[in-house]
């Protein structure tokens, strides 16, 4: 009887200790992006382009597999705007893939919070606008997902890292090309 009581007490203490010290939740990364217009001359002709946080290309997201991303997008354009996360598995929120019809575009002067997890994937990806001809005017960037340090990968760690983004430019602005 005494041995059973000690065993139950020991198991209870172990369970409480585990619940207190173990954090099973993966990291959360919080971002706030504002989409605006800017001016550039990619082909020698000045035109309106899309900037994210005043940058073209947009901010590079460097994440680790299993990160939970909470990204609040503020649309300061005069037209609806929608981002897609190219190649990212949309676990937890498959309806946030950024495809028109699955998502509604963010209205002018509105905002939307994207929530997704970079679950079990390592590699280089991109994000870009998925409505109208926005992609031809900018608003895109790199999204890199790195391996967690506790998970071994079967290849050597790279000596360096850079992102190469390729896109089409037109001599006319995106609103003229869309017509």
Protein backbone atom coordinates (compact mmCIF):
# COMPACT_ATOMS: atom_id res chain seq x y z
CA UNK A 1 0.00 0.00 0.00
CA UNK A 2 2.77 2.42 0.97
CA UNK A 3 4.70 1.57 -2.19
CA UNK A 4 1.63 2.33 -4.37
CA UNK A 5 1.10 5.68 -2.63
CA UNK A 6 4.74 6.65 -3.20
CA UNK A 7 4.50 5.60 -6.84
CA UNK A 8 1.36 7.73 -7.37
CA UNK A 9 2.97 10.68 -5.58
CA UNK A 10 6.14 10.35 -7.68
CA UNK A 11 4.14 10.17 -10.92
CA UNK A 12 2.07 13.20 -9.92
CA UNK A 13 5.18 15.25 -9.13
CA UNK A 14 6.75 14.23 -12.46
CA UNK A 15 3.57 15.16 -14.38
CA UNK A 16 3.35 18.58 -12.69
CA UNK A 17 7.06 19.23 -13.26
CA UNK A 18 6.71 18.28 -16.96
CA UNK A 19 3.67 20.50 -17.45
CA UNK A 20 5.47 23.45 -15.83
CA UNK A 21 8.83 23.23 -17.61
CA UNK A 22 8.00 21.80 -21.03
CA UNK A 23 6.93 24.26 -23.73
CA UNK A 24 5.54 22.25 -26.63
CA UNK A 25 4.49 25.28 -28.70
CA UNK A 26 6.65 26.25 -31.69
CA UNK A 27 7.94 29.82 -32.05
CA UNK A 28 5.67 32.62 -33.22
CA UNK A 29 6.96 35.35 -35.55
CA UNK A 30 4.98 38.59 -35.74
CA UNK A 31 5.16 41.02 -38.66
CA UNK A 32 3.32 44.15 -39.77
CA UNK A 33 3.56 45.10 -43.42
CA UNK A 34 2.16 48.16 -45.17
CA UNK A 35 1.65 48.07 -48.95
CA UNK A 36 2.04 51.43 -50.71
CA UNK A 37 2.87 52.86 -54.11
CA UNK A 38 6.31 54.13 -55.03
CA UNK A 39 8.09 55.21 -58.20
CA UNK A 40 10.87 53.42 -60.08
CA UNK A 41 12.27 53.25 -63.60
CA UNK A 42 12.97 49.55 -64.21
CA UNK A 43 13.08 49.96 -68.02
CA UNK A 44 14.07 53.63 -68.11
CA UNK A 45 10.41 54.69 -67.94
CA UNK A 46 9.21 56.10 -64.63
CA UNK A 47 6.20 54.18 -63.33
CA UNK A 48 4.22 53.39 -60.21
CA UNK A 49 5.39 50.24 -58.39
CA UNK A 50 4.24 48.39 -55.27
CA UNK A 51 6.30 48.62 -52.10
CA UNK A 52 6.03 46.65 -48.90
CA UNK A 53 7.23 48.65 -45.90
CA UNK A 54 8.79 51.07 -48.40
CA UNK A 55 10.92 48.34 -49.99
CA UNK A 56 11.21 46.72 -53.37
CA UNK A 57 11.57 43.80 -53.38
CA UNK A 58 9.57 43.34 -50.20
CA UNK A 59 11.07 42.28 -46.87
CA UNK A 60 12.75 38.89 -46.85
CA UNK A 61 11.19 36.45 -44.41
CA UNK A 62 13.79 34.18 -42.79
CA UNK A 63 11.97 31.49 -40.85
CA UNK A 64 12.69 28.13 -39.28
CA UNK A 65 10.58 25.07 -39.98
CA UNK A 66 7.55 24.91 -37.69
CA UNK A 67 7.51 28.69 -37.05
CA UNK A 68 4.02 30.12 -36.71
CA UNK A 69 3.74 33.33 -38.74
CA UNK A 70 1.30 36.08 -37.78
CA UNK A 71 1.51 38.80 -40.44
CA UNK A 72 -0.77 41.83 -40.40
CA UNK A 73 -1.01 43.34 -43.89
CA UNK A 74 -2.21 46.95 -44.22
CA UNK A 75 -3.32 47.97 -47.72
CA UNK A 76 -2.67 51.66 -48.49
CA UNK A 77 -3.30 51.20 -52.24
CA UNK A 78 -6.36 52.55 -54.05
CA UNK A 79 -7.34 49.01 -55.09
CA UNK A 80 -7.76 45.61 -53.40
CA UNK A 81 -4.56 43.63 -52.70
CA UNK A 82 -3.95 39.95 -51.95
CA UNK A 83 -0.74 38.00 -51.22
CA UNK A 84 -0.07 34.34 -51.92
CA UNK A 85 2.63 32.28 -50.20
CA UNK A 86 4.03 30.29 -53.10
CA UNK A 87 4.99 26.74 -52.08
CA UNK A 88 4.14 27.07 -48.39
CA UNK A 89 1.92 24.28 -47.12
CA UNK A 90 -1.07 25.91 -45.51
CA UNK A 91 -1.54 23.73 -42.45
CA UNK A 92 -3.97 24.97 -39.85
CA UNK A 93 -5.34 27.57 -42.34
CA UNK A 94 -5.58 26.12 -45.84
CA UNK A 95 -8.03 28.85 -46.79
CA UNK A 96 -5.29 31.50 -46.36
CA UNK A 97 -3.31 30.48 -49.42
CA UNK A 98 -3.86 33.87 -51.06
CA UNK A 99 -5.71 32.65 -54.13
CA UNK A 100 -8.63 34.78 -55.29
CA UNK A 101 -11.81 32.85 -54.56
CA UNK A 102 -10.31 31.19 -51.49
CA UNK A 103 -9.33 34.54 -49.97
CA UNK A 104 -10.95 37.91 -50.39
CA UNK A 105 -8.51 40.69 -51.31
CA UNK A 106 -7.68 43.25 -48.63
CA UNK A 107 -9.74 46.36 -49.48
CA UNK A 108 -8.12 49.81 -49.81
CA UNK A 109 -7.24 51.22 -46.35
CA UNK A 110 -8.09 47.84 -44.85
CA UNK A 111 -5.99 45.17 -43.21
CA UNK A 112 -5.89 41.41 -42.92
CA UNK A 113 -3.86 39.13 -40.66
CA UNK A 114 -2.35 36.07 -42.32
CA UNK A 115 -1.68 33.13 -40.01
CA UNK A 116 0.24 30.08 -41.19
CA UNK A 117 2.88 27.60 -40.06
CA UNK A 118 6.00 26.63 -42.02
CA UNK A 119 5.51 23.02 -41.03
CA UNK A 120 8.04 20.36 -42.05
CA UNK A 121 9.47 22.22 -45.02
CA UNK A 122 12.92 23.58 -45.71
CA UNK A 123 13.80 25.66 -48.74
CA UNK A 124 13.48 28.90 -50.69
CA UNK A 125 10.02 30.21 -51.51
CA UNK A 126 8.41 33.48 -52.59
CA UNK A 127 5.37 35.54 -51.79
CA UNK A 128 3.66 37.70 -54.39
CA UNK A 129 0.40 39.52 -55.17
CA UNK A 130 -2.20 37.30 -56.79
CA UNK A 131 -4.74 39.78 -58.15
CA UNK A 132 -4.80 42.01 -61.22
CA UNK A 133 -1.33 42.73 -62.58
CA UNK A 134 0.12 43.56 -59.16
CA UNK A 135 2.91 41.04 -59.54
CA UNK A 136 4.17 42.92 -62.60
CA UNK A 137 4.42 46.07 -60.45
CA UNK A 138 6.31 44.61 -57.47
CA UNK A 139 4.93 43.66 -54.08
CA UNK A 140 6.86 40.38 -54.00
CA UNK A 141 9.78 39.00 -52.02
CA UNK A 142 11.71 36.01 -50.72
CA UNK A 143 10.61 33.59 -48.02
CA UNK A 144 13.32 31.21 -46.74
CA UNK A 145 12.63 28.33 -44.37
CA UNK A 146 15.66 26.91 -42.58
CA UNK A 147 16.06 23.62 -40.69
CA UNK A 148 15.75 23.61 -36.92
CA UNK A 149 19.10 23.16 -35.21
CA UNK A 150 17.92 20.01 -33.41
CA UNK A 151 17.09 18.20 -36.66
CA UNK A 152 20.09 16.94 -38.65
CA UNK A 153 20.06 17.44 -42.43
CA UNK A 154 21.90 15.11 -44.83
CA UNK A 155 24.10 17.78 -46.40
CA UNK A 156 26.72 20.31 -45.34
CA UNK A 157 25.66 23.72 -44.10
CA UNK A 158 25.95 26.30 -46.94
CA UNK A 159 28.77 28.84 -46.79
CA UNK A 160 26.37 31.67 -47.63
CA UNK A 161 22.87 32.53 -48.65
CA UNK A 162 21.21 34.93 -51.10
CA UNK A 163 17.81 35.22 -52.72
CA UNK A 164 17.35 35.70 -56.47
CA UNK A 165 13.98 37.05 -57.55
CA UNK A 166 13.07 37.15 -61.23
CA UNK A 167 10.08 39.03 -62.62
CA UNK A 168 8.66 40.69 -65.73
CA UNK A 169 8.60 44.46 -66.21
CA UNK A 170 6.53 46.42 -68.69
CA UNK A 171 7.07 49.92 -70.10
CA UNK A 172 3.54 50.78 -68.94
CA UNK A 173 2.20 50.66 -65.39
CA UNK A 174 0.27 47.68 -64.03
CA UNK A 175 -3.13 49.38 -64.38
CA UNK A 176 -2.56 50.08 -68.09
CA UNK A 177 -1.31 46.53 -68.78
CA UNK A 178 -4.30 44.99 -66.98
CA UNK A 179 -6.87 46.66 -69.27
